C-alpha cells in the first residue's frame, strides 16, 4: 500500500485515478489466469473502456 500511496501522490493534478480492488491479485482481470476475479474484472473493464471513450474519441 505504501507504493500505491506514492503513485497517488505522483499523479496529483493529473486526470487519473488509482483504484484498488480488494481481495484481488495482480492479473485478476484476465480469465485464463488462476487469480481471475469475475466481479472485479467486469468493473475494471467497464471503467477502463469508459476512460478510453472519454479520452480517445476521434
N, C-alpha and C. Protein backbone atom coordinates (compact mmCIF):
# COMPACT_ATOMS: atom_id res chain seq x y z
N UNK A 1 0.82 -1.19 0.00
CA UNK A 1 0.00 0.00 0.00
C UNK A 1 0.87 1.26 0.00
N UNK A 2 2.07 1.15 0.52
CA UNK A 2 2.96 2.31 0.52
C UNK A 2 3.26 2.75 -0.91
N UNK A 3 3.50 1.79 -1.78
CA UNK A 3 3.78 2.12 -3.18
C UNK A 3 2.54 2.74 -3.84
N UNK A 4 1.37 2.24 -3.52
CA UNK A 4 0.13 2.79 -4.08
C UNK A 4 0.00 4.25 -3.68
N UNK A 5 0.28 4.56 -2.44
CA UNK A 5 0.20 5.95 -1.96
C UNK A 5 1.22 6.83 -2.68
N UNK A 6 2.40 6.30 -2.95
CA UNK A 6 3.40 7.07 -3.68
C UNK A 6 2.93 7.35 -5.10
N UNK A 7 2.32 6.38 -5.73
CA UNK A 7 1.80 6.56 -7.08
C UNK A 7 0.70 7.63 -7.06
N UNK A 8 -0.21 7.54 -6.10
CA UNK A 8 -1.28 8.53 -5.99
C UNK A 8 -0.72 9.93 -5.83
N UNK A 9 0.28 10.07 -4.98
CA UNK A 9 0.89 11.38 -4.77
C UNK A 9 1.55 11.89 -6.05
N UNK A 10 2.20 11.01 -6.78
CA UNK A 10 2.85 11.39 -8.02
C UNK A 10 1.88 11.77 -9.13
N UNK A 11 0.64 11.34 -9.01
CA UNK A 11 -0.36 11.62 -10.03
C UNK A 11 -1.23 12.83 -9.70
N UNK A 12 -0.98 13.47 -8.57
CA UNK A 12 -1.80 14.64 -8.19
C UNK A 12 -1.79 15.66 -9.31
N UNK A 13 -2.98 16.16 -9.62
CA UNK A 13 -3.13 17.15 -10.67
C UNK A 13 -3.35 16.54 -12.05
N UNK A 14 -3.12 15.25 -12.18
CA UNK A 14 -3.34 14.56 -13.46
C UNK A 14 -4.79 14.09 -13.53
N UNK A 15 -5.27 13.92 -14.73
CA UNK A 15 -6.62 13.37 -14.93
C UNK A 15 -6.50 11.85 -14.86
N UNK A 16 -6.29 11.36 -13.64
CA UNK A 16 -6.02 9.93 -13.46
C UNK A 16 -6.55 9.48 -12.10
N UNK A 17 -6.65 8.18 -11.96
CA UNK A 17 -7.16 7.62 -10.71
C UNK A 17 -6.48 6.27 -10.47
N UNK A 18 -6.16 6.02 -9.23
CA UNK A 18 -5.65 4.71 -8.81
C UNK A 18 -6.80 4.03 -8.10
N UNK A 19 -7.15 2.85 -8.55
CA UNK A 19 -8.27 2.14 -7.94
C UNK A 19 -7.78 0.81 -7.39
N UNK A 20 -8.18 0.51 -6.17
CA UNK A 20 -7.80 -0.74 -5.51
C UNK A 20 -8.98 -1.69 -5.59
N UNK A 21 -8.72 -2.92 -5.93
CA UNK A 21 -9.74 -3.96 -5.97
C UNK A 21 -9.46 -4.95 -4.83
N UNK A 22 -10.06 -4.72 -3.66
CA UNK A 22 -9.78 -5.57 -2.50
C UNK A 22 -10.05 -7.06 -2.80
N UNK A 23 -9.20 -7.88 -2.26
CA UNK A 23 -9.36 -9.33 -2.42
C UNK A 23 -8.87 -9.87 -3.75
N UNK A 24 -8.21 -9.02 -4.55
CA UNK A 24 -7.70 -9.49 -5.84
C UNK A 24 -6.19 -9.52 -5.83
N UNK A 25 -5.64 -10.19 -6.83
CA UNK A 25 -4.19 -10.24 -7.03
C UNK A 25 -3.88 -9.73 -8.42
N UNK A 26 -2.62 -9.37 -8.64
CA UNK A 26 -2.19 -8.87 -9.94
C UNK A 26 -2.61 -9.86 -11.04
N UNK A 27 -3.22 -9.34 -12.09
CA UNK A 27 -3.67 -10.19 -13.18
C UNK A 27 -5.11 -10.65 -13.05
N UNK A 28 -5.85 -10.11 -12.08
CA UNK A 28 -7.21 -10.58 -11.79
C UNK A 28 -8.19 -10.39 -12.94
N UNK A 29 -7.87 -9.54 -13.91
CA UNK A 29 -8.84 -9.18 -14.96
C UNK A 29 -8.80 -10.12 -16.17
N UNK A 30 -7.94 -11.11 -16.14
CA UNK A 30 -7.76 -11.98 -17.30
C UNK A 30 -8.24 -13.40 -17.00
N UNK A 31 -9.27 -13.86 -17.71
CA UNK A 31 -9.94 -15.12 -17.38
C UNK A 31 -9.05 -16.36 -17.33
N UNK A 32 -7.98 -16.38 -18.06
CA UNK A 32 -7.14 -17.59 -18.08
C UNK A 32 -6.11 -17.61 -16.95
N UNK A 33 -6.07 -16.56 -16.15
CA UNK A 33 -5.14 -16.53 -15.01
C UNK A 33 -5.78 -17.19 -13.81
N UNK A 34 -5.01 -17.89 -12.99
CA UNK A 34 -5.59 -18.55 -11.81
C UNK A 34 -6.14 -17.57 -10.78
N UNK A 35 -5.76 -16.30 -10.85
CA UNK A 35 -6.24 -15.31 -9.88
C UNK A 35 -7.43 -14.51 -10.42
N UNK A 36 -8.01 -14.96 -11.52
CA UNK A 36 -9.14 -14.26 -12.15
C UNK A 36 -10.27 -14.05 -11.14
N UNK A 37 -10.81 -12.83 -11.16
CA UNK A 37 -11.93 -12.48 -10.28
C UNK A 37 -12.98 -11.82 -11.17
N UNK A 38 -14.04 -12.53 -11.48
CA UNK A 38 -15.03 -12.07 -12.46
C UNK A 38 -15.64 -10.72 -12.11
N UNK A 39 -16.09 -10.55 -10.88
CA UNK A 39 -16.75 -9.30 -10.49
C UNK A 39 -15.79 -8.11 -10.60
N UNK A 40 -14.60 -8.27 -10.08
CA UNK A 40 -13.62 -7.19 -10.15
C UNK A 40 -13.20 -6.93 -11.61
N UNK A 41 -13.06 -7.99 -12.38
CA UNK A 41 -12.68 -7.83 -13.79
C UNK A 41 -13.73 -7.06 -14.56
N UNK A 42 -15.00 -7.36 -14.33
CA UNK A 42 -16.07 -6.64 -15.03
C UNK A 42 -16.03 -5.16 -14.68
N UNK A 43 -15.85 -4.85 -13.42
CA UNK A 43 -15.76 -3.44 -13.00
C UNK A 43 -14.53 -2.79 -13.65
N UNK A 44 -13.41 -3.47 -13.63
CA UNK A 44 -12.18 -2.94 -14.21
C UNK A 44 -12.37 -2.62 -15.69
N UNK A 45 -12.88 -3.57 -16.46
CA UNK A 45 -13.04 -3.36 -17.91
C UNK A 45 -14.06 -2.28 -18.21
N UNK A 46 -15.15 -2.21 -17.43
CA UNK A 46 -16.13 -1.13 -17.63
C UNK A 46 -15.48 0.23 -17.43
N UNK A 47 -14.72 0.36 -16.36
CA UNK A 47 -14.07 1.64 -16.06
C UNK A 47 -12.98 1.97 -17.06
N UNK A 48 -12.20 0.99 -17.47
CA UNK A 48 -11.13 1.22 -18.44
C UNK A 48 -11.70 1.63 -19.80
N UNK A 49 -12.72 0.94 -20.26
CA UNK A 49 -13.31 1.28 -21.55
C UNK A 49 -14.00 2.65 -21.50
N UNK A 50 -14.61 3.00 -20.38
CA UNK A 50 -15.20 4.33 -20.23
C UNK A 50 -14.11 5.41 -20.28
N UNK A 51 -12.98 5.15 -19.67
CA UNK A 51 -11.84 6.06 -19.74
C UNK A 51 -11.40 6.26 -21.19
N UNK A 52 -11.28 5.18 -21.92
CA UNK A 52 -10.90 5.27 -23.34
C UNK A 52 -11.93 6.08 -24.12
N UNK A 53 -13.21 5.81 -23.90
CA UNK A 53 -14.25 6.56 -24.62
C UNK A 53 -14.16 8.05 -24.33
N UNK A 54 -13.95 8.41 -23.08
CA UNK A 54 -13.88 9.83 -22.70
C UNK A 54 -12.67 10.54 -23.30
N UNK A 55 -11.57 9.82 -23.42
CA UNK A 55 -10.32 10.48 -23.76
C UNK A 55 -9.78 10.18 -25.16
N UNK A 56 -10.29 9.18 -25.82
CA UNK A 56 -9.71 8.79 -27.11
C UNK A 56 -10.71 8.90 -28.26
N UNK A 57 -11.81 9.58 -28.07
CA UNK A 57 -12.78 9.71 -29.15
C UNK A 57 -12.17 10.51 -30.29
N UNK A 58 -12.49 10.08 -31.50
CA UNK A 58 -11.99 10.77 -32.70
C UNK A 58 -13.00 11.78 -33.15
